PDB file of N, CA and C in Angstrom:
ATOM      1  N   MET A   1     -98.254  81.059 -51.507  1.00  0.00           N
ATOM      2  CA  MET A   1     -98.996  79.949 -50.997  1.00  0.00           C
ATOM      3  C   MET A   1     -98.101  79.047 -50.150  1.00  0.00           C
ATOM      4  N   GLN A   2     -96.902  78.916 -50.540  1.00  0.00           N
ATOM      5  CA  GLN A   2     -95.966  78.094 -49.793  1.00  0.00           C
ATOM      6  C   GLN A   2     -95.713  78.698 -48.418  1.00  0.00           C
ATOM      7  N   PHE A   3     -95.847  79.980 -48.306  1.00  0.00           N
ATOM      8  CA  PHE A   3     -95.631  80.683 -47.058  1.00  0.00           C
ATOM      9  C   PHE A   3     -96.693  80.268 -46.025  1.00  0.00           C
ATOM     10  N   CYS A   4     -97.936  80.096 -46.473  1.00  0.00           N
ATOM     11  CA  CYS A   4     -99.024  79.679 -45.588  1.00  0.00           C
ATOM     12  C   CYS A   4     -98.782  78.269 -45.077  1.00  0.00           C
ATOM     13  N   GLY A   5     -98.252  77.386 -45.917  1.00  0.00           N
ATOM     14  CA  GLY A   5     -97.971  76.006 -45.513  1.00  0.00           C
ATOM     15  C   GLY A   5     -96.910  75.961 -44.438  1.00  0.00           C
ATOM     16  N   THR A   6     -95.925  76.848 -44.524  1.00  0.00           N
ATOM     17  CA  THR A   6     -94.855  76.908 -43.530  1.00  0.00           C
ATOM     18  C   THR A   6     -95.413  77.382 -42.194  1.00  0.00           C
ATOM     19  N   ASN A   7     -96.295  78.386 -42.242  1.00  0.00           N
ATOM     20  CA  ASN A   7     -96.929  78.872 -41.013  1.00  0.00           C
ATOM     21  C   ASN A   7     -97.779  77.775 -40.378  1.00  0.00           C
ATOM     22  N   SER A   8     -98.486  77.030 -41.201  1.00  0.00           N
ATOM     23  CA  SER A   8     -99.334  75.961 -40.700  1.00  0.00           C
ATOM     24  C   SER A   8     -98.484  74.897 -40.000  1.00  0.00           C
ATOM     25  N   ARG A   9     -97.379  74.572 -40.642  1.00  0.00           N
ATOM     26  CA  ARG A   9     -96.475  73.569 -40.066  1.00  0.00           C
ATOM     27  C   ARG A   9     -95.889  74.081 -38.753  1.00  0.00           C
ATOM     28  N   LEU A  10     -95.539  75.358 -38.711  1.00  0.00           N
ATOM     29  CA  LEU A  10     -94.993  75.965 -37.501  1.00  0.00           C
ATOM     30  C   LEU A  10     -96.027  75.925 -36.378  1.00  0.00           C
ATOM     31  N   TYR A  11     -97.284  76.246 -36.717  1.00  0.00           N
ATOM     32  CA  TYR A  11     -98.350  76.207 -35.715  1.00  0.00           C
ATOM     33  C   TYR A  11     -98.538  74.790 -35.183  1.00  0.00           C
ATOM     34  N   GLU A  12     -98.465  73.807 -36.054  1.00  0.00           N
ATOM     35  CA  GLU A  12     -98.601  72.412 -35.639  1.00  0.00           C
ATOM     36  C   GLU A  12     -97.482  72.017 -34.684  1.00  0.00           C
ATOM     37  N   GLN A  13     -96.264  72.433 -34.993  1.00  0.00           N
ATOM     38  CA  GLN A  13     -95.121  72.099 -34.150  1.00  0.00           C
ATOM     39  C   GLN A  13     -95.237  72.782 -32.773  1.00  0.00           C
ATOM     40  N   VAL A  14     -95.626  74.060 -32.803  1.00  0.00           N
ATOM     41  CA  VAL A  14     -95.776  74.789 -31.544  1.00  0.00           C
ATOM     42  C   VAL A  14     -96.926  74.176 -30.729  1.00  0.00           C
ATOM     43  N   GLY A  15     -98.028  73.885 -31.399  1.00  0.00           N
ATOM     44  CA  GLY A  15     -99.168  73.263 -30.721  1.00  0.00           C
ATOM     45  C   GLY A  15     -98.793  71.907 -30.132  1.00  0.00           C
ATOM     46  N   GLY A  16     -98.058  71.125 -30.888  1.00  0.00           N
ATOM     47  CA  GLY A  16     -97.600  69.815 -30.399  1.00  0.00           C
ATOM     48  C   GLY A  16     -96.690  69.971 -29.194  1.00  0.00           C
ATOM     49  N   GLY A  17     -95.808  70.953 -29.247  1.00  0.00           N
ATOM     50  CA  GLY A  17     -94.905  71.219 -28.120  1.00  0.00           C
ATOM     51  C   GLY A  17     -95.672  71.635 -26.875  1.00  0.00           C
ATOM     52  N   VAL A  18     -96.701  72.462 -27.066  1.00  0.00           N
ATOM     53  CA  VAL A  18     -97.523  72.907 -25.935  1.00  0.00           C
ATOM     54  C   VAL A  18     -98.256  71.715 -25.319  1.00  0.00           C
ATOM     55  N   VAL A  19     -98.782  70.840 -26.164  1.00  0.00           N
ATOM     56  CA  VAL A  19     -99.494  69.655 -25.657  1.00  0.00           C
ATOM     57  C   VAL A  19     -98.538  68.772 -24.858  1.00  0.00           C
ATOM     58  N   ILE A  20     -97.355  68.537 -25.395  1.00  0.00           N
ATOM     59  CA  ILE A  20     -96.360  67.709 -24.696  1.00  0.00           C
ATOM     60  C   ILE A  20     -95.988  68.352 -23.357  1.00  0.00           C
ATOM     61  N   PHE A  21     -95.743  69.647 -23.364  1.00  0.00           N
ATOM     62  CA  PHE A  21     -95.399  70.362 -22.139  1.00  0.00           C
ATOM     63  C   PHE A  21     -96.518  70.224 -21.103  1.00  0.00           C
ATOM     64  N   GLU A  22     -97.751  70.398 -21.518  1.00  0.00           N
ATOM     65  CA  GLU A  22     -98.896  70.330 -20.604  1.00  0.00           C
ATOM     66  C   GLU A  22     -99.055  68.921 -20.030  1.00  0.00           C
ATOM     67  N   VAL A  23     -98.857  67.904 -20.866  1.00  0.00           N
ATOM     68  CA  VAL A  23     -98.966  66.520 -20.394  1.00  0.00           C
ATOM     69  C   VAL A  23     -97.892  66.241 -19.345  1.00  0.00           C
ATOM     70  N   GLN A  24     -96.673  66.696 -19.599  1.00  0.00           N
ATOM     71  CA  GLN A  24     -95.586  66.481 -18.648  1.00  0.00           C
ATOM     72  C   GLN A  24     -95.839  67.235 -17.343  1.00  0.00           C
ATOM     73  N   ARG A  25     -96.334  68.458 -17.444  1.00  0.00           N
ATOM     74  CA  ARG A  25     -96.622  69.267 -16.259  1.00  0.00           C
ATOM     75  C   ARG A  25     -97.711  68.603 -15.425  1.00  0.00           C
ATOM     76  N   SER A  26     -98.744  68.132 -16.096  1.00  0.00           N
ATOM     77  CA  SER A  26     -99.841  67.460 -15.417  1.00  0.00           C
ATOM     78  C   SER A  26     -99.363  66.172 -14.747  1.00  0.00           C
ATOM     79  N   SER A  27     -98.513  65.453 -15.434  1.00  0.00           N
ATOM     80  CA  SER A  27     -97.971  64.202 -14.897  1.00  0.00           C
ATOM     81  C   SER A  27     -97.139  64.468 -13.640  1.00  0.00           C
ATOM     82  N   ARG A  28     -96.317  65.490 -13.654  1.00  0.00           N
ATOM     83  CA  ARG A  28     -95.510  65.848 -12.476  1.00  0.00           C
ATOM     84  C   ARG A  28     -96.417  66.252 -11.315  1.00  0.00           C
ATOM     85  N   SER A  29     -97.465  66.997 -11.622  1.00  0.00           N
ATOM     86  CA  SER A  29     -98.406  67.426 -10.590  1.00  0.00           C
ATOM     87  C   SER A  29     -99.090  66.228  -9.957  1.00  0.00           C
ATOM     88  N   GLU A  30     -99.534  65.279 -10.762  1.00  0.00           N
ATOM     89  CA  GLU A  30    -100.175  64.071 -10.245  1.00  0.00           C
ATOM     90  C   GLU A  30     -99.192  63.249  -9.411  1.00  0.00           C
ATOM     91  N   ALA A  31     -97.940  63.173  -9.842  1.00  0.00           N
ATOM     92  CA  ALA A  31     -96.931  62.423  -9.092  1.00  0.00           C
ATOM     93  C   ALA A  31     -96.713  63.059  -7.713  1.00  0.00           C
ATOM     94  N   ARG A  32     -96.688  64.395  -7.652  1.00  0.00           N
ATOM     95  CA  ARG A  32     -96.535  65.081  -6.357  1.00  0.00           C
ATOM     96  C   ARG A  32     -97.731  64.801  -5.456  1.00  0.00           C
ATOM     97  N   LYS A  33     -98.936  64.843  -6.034  1.00  0.00           N
ATOM     98  CA  LYS A  33    -100.145  64.565  -5.246  1.00  0.00           C
ATOM     99  C   LYS A  33    -100.132  63.132  -4.722  1.00  0.00           C
ATOM    100  N   GLU A  34     -99.739  62.193  -5.558  1.00  0.00           N
ATOM    101  CA  GLU A  34     -99.691  60.793  -5.155  1.00  0.00           C
ATOM    102  C   GLU A  34     -98.659  60.594  -4.044  1.00  0.00           C
ATOM    103  N   GLU A  35     -97.526  61.242  -4.144  1.00  0.00           N
ATOM    104  CA  GLU A  35     -96.495  61.141  -3.115  1.00  0.00           C
ATOM    105  C   GLU A  35     -97.002  61.718  -1.794  1.00  0.00           C
ATOM    106  N   ALA A  36     -97.727  62.830  -1.861  1.00  0.00           N
ATOM    107  CA  ALA A  36     -98.302  63.434  -0.650  1.00  0.00           C
ATOM    108  C   ALA A  36     -99.327  62.487  -0.022  1.00  0.00           C
ATOM    109  N   ARG A  37    -100.138  61.817  -0.835  1.00  0.00           N
ATOM    110  CA  ARG A  37    -101.115  60.853  -0.312  1.00  0.00           C
ATOM    111  C   ARG A  37    -100.414  59.676   0.360  1.00  0.00           C
ATOM    112  N   LYS A  38     -99.357  59.176  -0.265  1.00  0.00           N
ATOM    113  CA  LYS A  38     -98.599  58.069   0.321  1.00  0.00           C
ATOM    114  C   LYS A  38     -97.988  58.482   1.658  1.00  0.00           C
ATOM    115  N   GLN A  39     -97.448  59.682   1.717  1.00  0.00           N
ATOM    116  CA  GLN A  39     -96.844  60.184   2.949  1.00  0.00           C
ATOM    117  C   GLN A  39     -97.897  60.300   4.053  1.00  0.00           C
ATOM    118  N   GLU A  40     -99.063  60.820   3.705  1.00  0.00           N
ATOM    119  CA  GLU A  40    -100.142  60.972   4.679  1.00  0.00           C
ATOM    120  C   GLU A  40    -100.607  59.609   5.196  1.00  0.00           C
ATOM    121  N   LEU A  41    -100.745  58.635   4.301  1.00  0.00           N
ATOM    122  CA  LEU A  41    -101.142  57.286   4.711  1.00  0.00           C
ATOM    123  C   LEU A  41    -100.095  56.656   5.632  1.00  0.00           C
ATOM    124  N   GLU A  42     -98.833  56.872   5.331  1.00  0.00           N
ATOM    125  CA  GLU A  42     -97.757  56.334   6.171  1.00  0.00           C
ATOM    126  C   GLU A  42     -97.804  56.959   7.566  1.00  0.00           C
ATOM    127  N   GLU A  43     -98.035  58.269   7.628  1.00  0.00           N
ATOM    128  CA  GLU A  43     -98.140  58.948   8.919  1.00  0.00           C
ATOM    129  C   GLU A  43     -99.330  58.419   9.710  1.00  0.00           C
ATOM    130  N   LEU A  44    -100.455  58.191   9.041  1.00  0.00           N
ATOM    131  CA  LEU A  44    -101.634  57.637   9.710  1.00  0.00           C
ATOM    132  C   LEU A  44    -101.384  56.214  10.200  1.00  0.00           C
ATOM    133  N   ARG A  45    -100.671  55.428   9.415  1.00  0.00           N
ATOM    134  CA  ARG A  45    -100.348  54.049   9.804  1.00  0.00           C
ATOM    135  C   ARG A  45     -99.470  54.052  11.053  1.00  0.00           C
ATOM    136  N   ILE A  46     -98.468  54.923  11.083  1.00  0.00           N
ATOM    137  CA  ILE A  46     -97.576  55.015  12.242  1.00  0.00           C
ATOM    138  C   ILE A  46     -98.357  55.458  13.480  1.00  0.00           C
ATOM    139  N   LYS A  47     -99.224  56.451  13.310  1.00  0.00           N
ATOM    140  CA  LYS A  47    -100.032  56.929  14.430  1.00  0.00           C
ATOM    141  C   LYS A  47    -100.950  55.825  14.943  1.00  0.00           C
ATOM    142  N   ASP A  48    -101.534  55.055  14.027  1.00  0.00           N
ATOM    143  CA  ASP A  48    -102.406  53.947  14.396  1.00  0.00           C
ATOM    144  C   ASP A  48    -101.637  52.907  15.209  1.00  0.00           C
ATOM    145  N   GLU A  49    -100.424  52.576  14.791  1.00  0.00           N
ATOM    146  CA  GLU A  49     -99.603  51.611  15.523  1.00  0.00           C
ATOM    147  C   GLU A  49     -99.276  52.131  16.919  1.00  0.00           C
ATOM    148  N   GLU A  50     -98.957  53.433  17.024  1.00  0.00           N
ATOM    149  CA  GLU A  50     -98.649  54.022  18.328  1.00  0.00           C
ATOM    150  C   GLU A  50     -99.863  53.956  19.247  1.00  0.00           C
ATOM    151  N   LEU A  51    -101.049  54.239  18.697  1.00  0.00           N
ATOM    152  CA  LEU A  51    -102.270  54.180  19.497  1.00  0.00           C
ATOM    153  C   LEU A  51    -102.581  52.755  19.943  1.00  0.00           C
ATOM    154  N   GLU A  52    -102.337  51.783  19.076  1.00  0.00           N
ATOM    155  CA  GLU A  52    -102.544  50.383  19.446  1.00  0.00           C
ATOM    156  C   GLU A  52    -101.636  49.991  20.608  1.00  0.00           C
ATOM    157  N   LYS A  53    -100.367  50.403  20.546  1.00  0.00           N
ATOM    158  CA  LYS A  53     -99.426  50.100  21.622  1.00  0.00           C
ATOM    159  C   LYS A  53     -99.859  50.763  22.924  1.00  0.00           C
ATOM    160  N   LYS A  54    -100.296  52.013  22.825  1.00  0.00           N
ATOM    161  CA  LYS A  54    -100.730  52.745  24.003  1.00  0.00           C
ATOM    162  C   LYS A  54    -101.964  52.082  24.617  1.00  0.00           C
ATOM    163  N   MET A  55    -102.898  51.653  23.763  1.00  0.00           N
ATOM    164  CA  MET A  55    -104.114  50.991  24.230  1.00  0.00           C
ATOM    165  C   MET A  55    -103.761  49.684  24.938  1.00  0.00           C
ATOM    166  N   ALA A  56    -102.876  48.901  24.372  1.00  0.00           N
ATOM    167  CA  ALA A  56    -102.468  47.637  24.988  1.00  0.00           C
ATOM    168  C   ALA A  56    -101.801  47.903  26.339  1.00  0.00           C
ATOM    169  N   ASP A  57    -100.980  48.930  26.418  1.00  0.00           N
ATOM    170  CA  ASP A  57    -100.311  49.290  27.662  1.00  0.00           C
ATOM    171  C   ASP A  57    -101.340  49.698  28.720  1.00  0.00           C
ATOM    172  N   LEU A  58    -102.323  50.509  28.325  1.00  0.00           N
ATOM    173  CA  LEU A  58    -103.355  50.944  29.270  1.00  0.00           C
ATOM    174  C   LEU A  58    -104.214  49.771  29.742  1.00  0.00           C
ATOM    175  N   GLN A  59    -104.535  48.849  28.829  1.00  0.00           N
ATOM    176  CA  GLN A  59    -105.308  47.670  29.215  1.00  0.00           C
ATOM    177  C   GLN A  59    -104.531  46.813  30.208  1.00  0.00           C
ATOM    178  N   SER A  60    -103.234  46.692  29.975  1.00  0.00           N
ATOM    179  CA  SER A  60    -102.383  45.926  30.877  1.00  0.00           C
ATOM    180  C   SER A  60    -102.344  46.585  32.259  1.00  0.00           C
ATOM    181  N   LYS A  61    -102.193  47.897  32.288  1.00  0.00           N
ATOM    182  CA  LYS A  61    -102.157  48.617  33.564  1.00  0.00           C
ATOM    183  C   LYS A  61    -103.493  48.508  34.290  1.00  0.00           C
ATOM    184  N   LEU A  62    -104.590  48.600  33.559  1.00  0.00           N
ATOM    185  CA  LEU A  62    -105.906  48.464  34.170  1.00  0.00           C
ATOM    186  C   LEU A  62    -106.083  47.074  34.765  1.00  0.00           C
ATOM    187  N   ALA A  63    -105.667  46.055  34.060  1.00  0.00           N
ATOM    188  CA  ALA A  63    -105.775  44.686  34.569  1.00  0.00           C
ATOM    189  C   ALA A  63    -104.948  44.533  35.843  1.00  0.00           C
ATOM    190  N   GLU A  64    -103.787  45.143  35.859  1.00  0.00           N
ATOM    191  CA  GLU A  64    -102.929  45.078  37.040  1.00  0.00           C
ATOM    192  C   GLU A  64    -103.592  45.773  38.232  1.00  0.00           C
ATOM    193  N   VAL A  65    -104.180  46.940  38.007  1.00  0.00           N
ATOM    194  CA  VAL A  65    -104.866  47.670  39.073  1.00  0.00           C
ATOM    195  C   VAL A  65    -106.058  46.862  39.581  1.00  0.00           C
ATOM    196  N   GLU A  66    -106.808  46.251  38.678  1.00  0.00           N
ATOM    197  CA  GLU A  66    -107.954  45.432  39.086  1.00  0.00           C
ATOM    198  C   GLU A  66    -107.502  44.245  39.926  1.00  0.00           C
ATOM    199  N   GLU A  67    -106.405  43.601  39.536  1.00  0.00           N
ATOM    200  CA  GLU A  67    -105.890  42.468  40.308  1.00  0.00           C
ATOM    201  C   GLU A  67    -105.441  42.918  41.696  1.00  0.00           C
ATOM    202  N   LEU A  68    -104.759  44.056  41.767  1.00  0.00           N
ATOM    203  CA  LEU A  68    -104.343  44.577  43.068  1.00  0.00           C
ATOM    204  C   LEU A  68    -105.553  44.919  43.931  1.00  0.00           C
ATOM    205  N   ALA A  69    -106.584  45.487  43.316  1.00  0.00           N
ATOM    206  CA  ALA A  69    -107.800  45.833  44.057  1.00  0.00           C
ATOM    207  C   ALA A  69    -108.465  44.572  44.595  1.00  0.00           C
ATOM    208  N   LYS A  70    -108.527  43.514  43.787  1.00  0.00           N
ATOM    209  CA  LYS A  70    -109.118  42.254  44.247  1.00  0.00           C
ATOM    210  C   LYS A  70    -108.316  41.684  45.411  1.00  0.00           C
ATOM    211  N   ALA A  71    -106.987  41.732  45.306  1.00  0.00           N
ATOM    212  CA  ALA A  71    -106.119  41.188  46.355  1.00  0.00           C
ATOM    213  C   ALA A  71    -106.303  41.940  47.666  1.00  0.00           C
ATOM    214  N   ARG A  72    -106.627  43.200  47.618  1.00  0.00           N
ATOM    215  CA  ARG A  72    -106.795  44.014  48.827  1.00  0.00           C
ATOM    216  C   ARG A  72    -108.258  44.116  49.255  1.00  0.00           C
ATOM    217  N   GLY A  73    -109.132  43.443  48.552  1.00  0.00           N
ATOM    218  CA  GLY A  73    -110.537  43.450  48.914  1.00  0.00           C
ATOM    219  C   GLY A  73    -111.253  44.733  48.532  1.00  0.00           C
ATOM    220  N   LEU A  74    -110.807  45.381  47.497  1.00  0.00           N
ATOM    221  CA  LEU A  74    -111.412  46.632  47.044  1.00  0.00           C
ATOM    222  C   LEU A  74    -112.228  46.431  45.775  1.00  0.00           C
ATOM    223  N   THR A  75    -112.815  45.286  45.622  1.00  0.00           N
ATOM    224  CA  THR A  75    -113.524  45.007  44.367  1.00  0.00           C
ATOM    225  C   THR A  75    -114.684  45.955  44.148  1.00  0.00           C
ATOM    226  N   GLY A  76    -115.356  46.388  45.220  1.00  0.00           N
ATOM    227  CA  GLY A  76    -116.465  47.322  45.061  1.00  0.00           C
ATOM    228  C   GLY A  76    -115.995  48.743  44.818  1.00  0.00           C
ATOM    229  N   PHE A  77    -114.736  49.012  45.120  1.00  0.00           N
ATOM    230  CA  PHE A  77    -114.192  50.361  44.956  1.00  0.00           C
ATOM    231  C   PHE A  77    -114.127  50.763  43.490  1.00  0.00           C
ATOM    232  N   PHE A  78    -113.720  49.805  42.649  1.00  0.00           N
ATOM    233  CA  PHE A  78    -113.636  50.061  41.215  1.00  0.00           C
ATOM    234  C   PHE A  78    -114.877  49.492  40.562  1.00  0.00           C
ATOM    235  N   LYS A  79    -115.839  50.316  40.334  1.00  0.00           N
ATOM    236  CA  LYS A  79    -117.058  49.857  39.679  1.00  0.00           C
ATOM    237  C   LYS A  79    -116.881  50.028  38.174  1.00  0.00           C
ATOM    238  N   VAL A  80    -116.162  49.098  37.594  1.00  0.00           N
ATOM    239  CA  VAL A  80    -115.862  49.140  36.169  1.00  0.00           C
ATOM    240  C   VAL A  80    -117.063  48.596  35.419  1.00  0.00           C
ATOM    241  N   LYS A  81    -117.536  49.356  34.464  1.00  0.00           N
ATOM    242  CA  LYS A  81    -118.688  48.916  33.674  1.00  0.00           C
ATOM    243  C   LYS A  81    -118.256  47.801  32.735  1.00  0.00           C
ATOM    244  N   GLN A  82    -119.086  46.786  32.667  1.00  0.00           N
ATOM    245  CA  GLN A  82    -118.838  45.680  31.751  1.00  0.00           C
ATOM    246  C   GLN A  82    -119.216  46.089  30.335  1.00  0.00           C
ATOM    247  N   GLN A  83    -118.437  45.645  29.390  1.00  0.00           N
ATOM    248  CA  GLN A  83    -118.785  45.856  27.991  1.00  0.00           C
ATOM    249  C   GLN A  83    -119.900  44.884  27.635  1.00  0.00           C
ATOM    250  N   PRO A  84    -120.832  45.288  26.802  1.00  0.00           N
ATOM    251  CA  PRO A  84    -121.921  44.378  26.412  1.00  0.00           C
ATOM    252  C   PRO A  84    -121.377  43.087  25.820  1.00  0.00           C
ATOM    253  N   GLY A  85    -121.951  41.980  26.264  1.00  0.00           N
ATOM    254  CA  GLY A  85    -121.551  40.682  25.709  1.00  0.00           C
ATOM    255  C   GLY A  85    -120.395  40.036  26.440  1.00  0.00           C
ATOM    256  N   THR A  86    -119.846  40.675  27.495  1.00  0.00           N
ATOM    257  CA  THR A  86    -118.747  40.075  28.233  1.00  0.00           C
ATOM    258  C   THR A  86    -119.243  39.669  29.609  1.00  0.00           C
ATOM    259  N   THR A  87    -118.564  38.695  30.213  1.00  0.00           N
ATOM    260  CA  THR A  87    -118.920  38.263  31.553  1.00  0.00           C
ATOM    261  C   THR A  87    -117.701  38.363  32.443  1.00  0.00           C
ATOM    262  N   THR A  88    -117.923  38.490  33.724  1.00  0.00           N
ATOM    263  CA  THR A  88    -116.815  38.539  34.667  1.00  0.00           C
ATOM    264  C   THR A  88    -116.380  37.124  34.976  1.00  0.00           C
ATOM    265  N   LYS A  89    -115.162  36.974  35.487  1.00  0.00           N
ATOM    266  CA  LYS A  89    -114.642  35.659  35.824  1.00  0.00           C
ATOM    267  C   LYS A  89    -115.461  35.077  36.974  1.00  0.00           C
ATOM    268  N   GLY A  90    -115.848  33.827  36.833  1.00  0.00           N
ATOM    269  CA  GLY A  90    -116.565  33.144  37.894  1.00  0.00           C
ATOM    270  C   GLY A  90    -118.045  33.478  37.936  1.00  0.00           C
ATOM    271  N   SER A  91    -118.526  34.338  37.095  1.00  0.00           N
ATOM    272  CA  SER A  91    -119.935  34.704  37.104  1.00  0.00           C
ATOM    273  C   SER A  91    -120.605  34.092  35.892  1.00  0.00           C
ATOM    274  N   SER A  92    -121.417  33.083  36.141  1.00  0.00           N
ATOM    275  CA  SER A  92    -122.098  32.437  35.025  1.00  0.00           C
ATOM    276  C   SER A  92    -123.571  32.800  35.003  1.00  0.00           C
ATOM    277  N   GLU A  93    -124.016  33.582  36.025  1.00  0.00           N
ATOM    278  CA  GLU A  93    -125.421  33.981  36.065  1.00  0.00           C
ATOM    279  C   GLU A  93    -125.694  35.074  35.057  1.00  0.00           C
ATOM    280  N   LYS A  94    -126.881  35.045  34.526  1.00  0.00           N
ATOM    281  CA  LYS A  94    -127.315  36.118  33.652  1.00  0.00           C
ATOM    282  C   LYS A  94    -127.987  37.163  34.515  1.00  0.00           C
ATOM    283  N   PRO A  95    -127.927  38.451  34.146  1.00  0.00           N
ATOM    284  CA  PRO A  95    -128.551  39.486  34.959  1.00  0.00           C
ATOM    285  C   PRO A  95    -130.045  39.256  35.141  1.00  0.00           C
ATOM    286  N   ASP A  96    -130.727  38.685  34.154  1.00  0.00           N
ATOM    287  CA  ASP A  96    -132.159  38.460  34.239  1.00  0.00           C
ATOM    288  C   ASP A  96    -132.490  37.354  35.244  1.00  0.00           C
ATOM    289  N   ALA A  97    -131.536  36.445  35.473  1.00  0.00           N
ATOM    290  CA  ALA A  97    -131.774  35.324  36.376  1.00  0.00           C
ATOM    291  C   ALA A  97    -131.986  35.825  37.803  1.00  0.00           C
ATOM    292  N   LYS A  98    -131.248  36.839  38.233  1.00  0.00           N
ATOM    293  CA  LYS A  98    -131.389  37.392  39.575  1.00  0.00           C
ATOM    294  C   LYS A  98    -132.756  38.038  39.751  1.00  0.00           C
ATOM    295  N   SER A  99    -133.166  38.830  38.769  1.00  0.00           N
ATOM    296  CA  SER A  99    -134.443  39.515  38.884  1.00  0.00           C
ATOM    297  C   SER A  99    -135.607  38.537  38.844  1.00  0.00           C
ATOM    298  N   SER A 100    -135.495  37.444  38.108  1.00  0.00           N
ATOM    299  CA  SER A 100    -136.576  36.473  38.047  1.00  0.00           C
ATOM    300  C   SER A 100    -136.661  35.657  39.332  1.00  0.00           C
ATOM    301  N   GLU A 101    -135.482  35.422  39.977  1.00  0.00           N
ATOM    302  CA  GLU A 101    -135.484  34.704  41.246  1.00  0.00           C
ATOM    303  C   GLU A 101    -136.141  35.531  42.322  1.00  0.00           C
ATOM    304  N   SER A 102    -135.828  36.815  42.383  1.00  0.00           N
ATOM    305  CA  SER A 102    -136.388  37.674  43.412  1.00  0.00           C
ATOM    306  C   SER A 102    -137.889  37.873  43.206  1.00  0.00           C
ATOM    307  N   SER A 103    -138.351  37.910  41.978  1.00  0.00           N
ATOM    308  CA  SER A 103    -139.772  38.094  41.737  1.00  0.00           C
ATOM    309  C   SER A 103    -140.559  36.820  41.990  1.00  0.00           C
ATOM    310  N   SER A 104    -139.934  35.637  41.801  1.00  0.00           N
ATOM    311  CA  SER A 104    -140.639  34.387  42.035  1.00  0.00           C
ATOM    312  C   SER A 104    -140.725  34.058  43.519  1.00  0.00           C
ATOM    313  N   SER A 105    -139.762  34.572  44.368  1.00  0.00           N
ATOM    314  CA  SER A 105    -139.817  34.307  45.783  1.00  0.00           C
ATOM    315  C   SER A 105    -140.822  35.188  46.486  1.00  0.00           C
ATOM    316  N   SER A 106    -141.277  36.255  45.864  1.00  0.00           N
ATOM    317  CA  SER A 106    -142.240  37.160  46.514  1.00  0.00           C
ATOM    318  C   SER A 106    -143.614  36.622  46.548  1.00  0.00           C
TER     319      SER A 106
END
């Protein structure tokens, strides 16, 4: 009978060791996944910053080209579409105001 108790104790120790091993393995796996996520987020952040810089540079170059075009009288050459909700410099008229004036003079 004492022999069965020893086997039971051995099984408990082996089972406990397996549980500890599995917990540690799982923990290492999660740590690797978390590190990979952090690395990916850092790469995305860097790419986002690079794109922001590139966008600012392109906007600056576009503004410079528009100013040069205005200085040379080429304002009609660059038909740049206005973004909704923005107005051009010196233009306080609303687009509807022109159409209503032309229809009222007829």
